[in-house]
Amino acid sequence: MECMSLQPKGLPEIPAQTVAVARAAFPRGTLAMRLRDRLAEVLVDE
């Protein structure tokens, strides 16, 4: 029997230009942007 396990992975990096465009378009952020910002703090692999 072969065992499978999940390998921990962090959130992928968002390109700086994409971040700049998104922040310019939505200065207060969107729900998705705010969730990712908050979850990135929690989902850090150590």
Protein backbone atom coordinates (compact mmCIF):
# COMPACT_ATOMS: atom_id res chain seq x y z
CA MET A 1 0.00 0.00 0.00
CA GLU A 2 1.35 3.40 -0.95
CA CYS A 3 0.93 6.26 1.51
CA MET A 4 0.18 9.76 0.38
CA SER A 5 0.73 12.88 2.39
CA LEU A 6 0.07 16.52 1.77
CA GLN A 7 3.13 18.65 1.30
CA PRO A 8 2.84 22.07 2.93
CA LYS A 9 2.80 24.95 0.47
CA GLY A 10 2.45 28.64 1.05
CA LEU A 11 0.42 30.99 -1.07
CA PRO A 12 2.11 31.73 -4.41
CA GLU A 13 3.76 35.13 -4.79
CA ILE A 14 1.73 37.75 -6.67
CA PRO A 15 3.79 39.79 -9.16
CA ALA A 16 4.52 43.33 -7.93
CA GLN A 17 2.95 44.94 -11.00
CA THR A 18 -0.27 42.98 -10.45
CA VAL A 19 -0.39 44.14 -6.83
CA ALA A 20 0.19 47.76 -7.89
CA VAL A 21 -2.59 47.65 -10.50
CA ALA A 22 -5.04 45.99 -8.09
CA ARG A 23 -4.29 48.52 -5.33
CA ALA A 24 -4.70 51.41 -7.80
CA ALA A 25 -8.02 50.03 -9.04
CA PHE A 26 -9.31 49.18 -5.55
CA PRO A 27 -7.59 51.43 -2.96
CA ARG A 28 -9.69 49.99 -0.12
CA GLY A 29 -9.21 46.47 -1.46
CA THR A 30 -11.79 43.85 -2.30
CA LEU A 31 -13.02 41.04 -0.09
CA ALA A 32 -10.70 38.62 -1.90
CA MET A 33 -7.71 40.93 -1.46
CA ARG A 34 -8.38 41.41 2.24
CA LEU A 35 -8.88 37.67 2.78
CA ARG A 36 -5.61 36.84 1.06
CA ASP A 37 -3.76 39.47 3.09
CA ARG A 38 -5.15 38.04 6.34
CA LEU A 39 -4.73 34.38 5.38
CA ALA A 40 -1.14 34.92 4.26
CA GLU A 41 -0.31 35.73 7.88
CA VAL A 42 -1.88 32.49 9.08
CA LEU A 43 -0.79 30.12 6.30
CA VAL A 44 2.97 30.58 6.66
CA ASP A 45 4.94 27.33 6.45
CA GLU A 46 7.58 26.93 9.12
